[in-house]
Amino acid sequence: MEKDRNFEMSQVEQPSHYKGFPKQTWEMMIDIWGKEKFITYCQINAFKYKMRAGDKPNEPAEKDLAKARWYLNKIKELEAQ
């Protein structure tokens, strides 16, 4: 089970479909729109993932909750800077 959770977290934190860029996508978003707008984006996405957790067919609720946690943690990280 722990191995599955680690795989899931790697997919949340660094999905393979975003690895072809010189920077993380979220870093480019900050460069383009600024930190405050990106924080708002994170708040909205965390809300979205919490609201739909467990509603996607064949997807565990934990996956959406992990994504929500990622966004909430990113907010804390950015606000601490």
Protein backbone atom coordinates (compact mmCIF):
# COMPACT_ATOMS: atom_id res chain seq x y z
CA MET A 1 0.00 0.00 0.00
CA GLU A 2 2.81 2.43 0.87
CA LYS A 3 4.42 1.82 -2.52
CA ASP A 4 1.12 2.70 -4.23
CA ARG A 5 0.80 5.87 -2.13
CA ASN A 6 4.35 6.95 -3.08
CA PHE A 7 3.55 6.42 -6.75
CA GLU A 8 0.36 8.43 -6.39
CA MET A 9 2.19 11.28 -4.66
CA SER A 10 4.83 11.36 -7.40
CA GLN A 11 2.00 11.67 -9.92
CA VAL A 12 0.51 14.55 -7.91
CA GLU A 13 3.77 16.40 -7.30
CA GLN A 14 5.45 15.87 -10.66
CA PRO A 15 3.17 14.28 -13.26
CA SER A 16 5.06 12.89 -16.23
CA HIS A 17 3.03 14.96 -18.71
CA TYR A 18 4.61 18.16 -17.29
CA LYS A 19 8.25 17.03 -17.34
CA GLY A 20 9.20 18.30 -20.81
CA PHE A 21 9.68 21.90 -19.73
CA PRO A 22 12.75 23.71 -18.36
CA LYS A 23 10.76 24.79 -15.26
CA GLN A 24 7.88 23.37 -13.30
CA THR A 25 4.57 24.54 -14.79
CA TRP A 26 3.59 26.26 -11.56
CA GLU A 27 6.86 28.24 -11.65
CA MET A 28 6.10 29.43 -15.17
CA MET A 29 2.59 30.44 -14.04
CA ILE A 30 4.12 32.62 -11.31
CA ASP A 31 6.49 34.15 -13.87
CA ILE A 32 3.55 35.00 -16.14
CA TRP A 33 0.74 35.96 -13.75
CA GLY A 34 2.53 36.68 -10.46
CA LYS A 35 2.53 35.03 -7.06
CA GLU A 36 -0.76 36.45 -5.79
CA LYS A 37 -2.76 35.27 -8.79
CA PHE A 38 -1.11 31.87 -8.59
CA ILE A 39 -2.08 31.63 -4.89
CA THR A 40 -5.68 32.38 -5.87
CA TYR A 41 -5.44 29.67 -8.54
CA CYS A 42 -4.20 27.25 -5.87
CA GLN A 43 -7.10 28.12 -3.57
CA ILE A 44 -9.61 27.52 -6.35
CA ASN A 45 -8.03 24.22 -7.38
CA ALA A 46 -7.85 22.96 -3.79
CA PHE A 47 -11.57 23.71 -3.44
CA LYS A 48 -12.34 21.94 -6.73
CA TYR A 49 -10.41 18.80 -5.81
CA LYS A 50 -12.01 18.63 -2.36
CA MET A 51 -15.50 19.03 -3.80
CA ARG A 52 -15.15 16.26 -6.36
CA ALA A 53 -13.11 13.82 -4.24
CA GLY A 54 -14.46 10.33 -4.76
CA ASP A 55 -16.79 11.30 -7.60
CA LYS A 56 -14.57 10.31 -10.54
CA PRO A 57 -15.17 6.74 -11.75
CA ASN A 58 -12.32 4.34 -10.95
CA GLU A 59 -10.38 7.03 -9.08
CA PRO A 60 -9.91 6.90 -5.31
CA ALA A 61 -10.94 9.98 -3.32
CA GLU A 62 -7.43 10.04 -1.87
CA LYS A 63 -5.99 11.04 -5.25
CA ASP A 64 -8.10 14.20 -5.41
CA LEU A 65 -7.46 14.90 -1.72
CA ALA A 66 -3.71 14.56 -2.34
CA LYS A 67 -3.98 17.09 -5.15
CA ALA A 68 -5.91 19.46 -2.86
CA ARG A 69 -3.19 19.07 -0.20
CA TRP A 70 -0.51 19.83 -2.79
CA TYR A 71 -2.20 23.13 -3.65
CA LEU A 72 -2.75 24.05 0.01
CA ASN A 73 0.88 23.25 0.83
CA LYS A 74 2.06 25.32 -2.15
CA ILE A 75 0.05 28.28 -0.80
CA LYS A 76 1.75 27.96 2.60
CA GLU A 77 5.15 27.68 0.95
CA LEU A 78 4.62 30.79 -1.18
CA GLU A 79 3.15 32.84 1.65
CA ALA A 80 6.18 32.04 3.81
CA GLN A 81 8.54 33.55 1.24
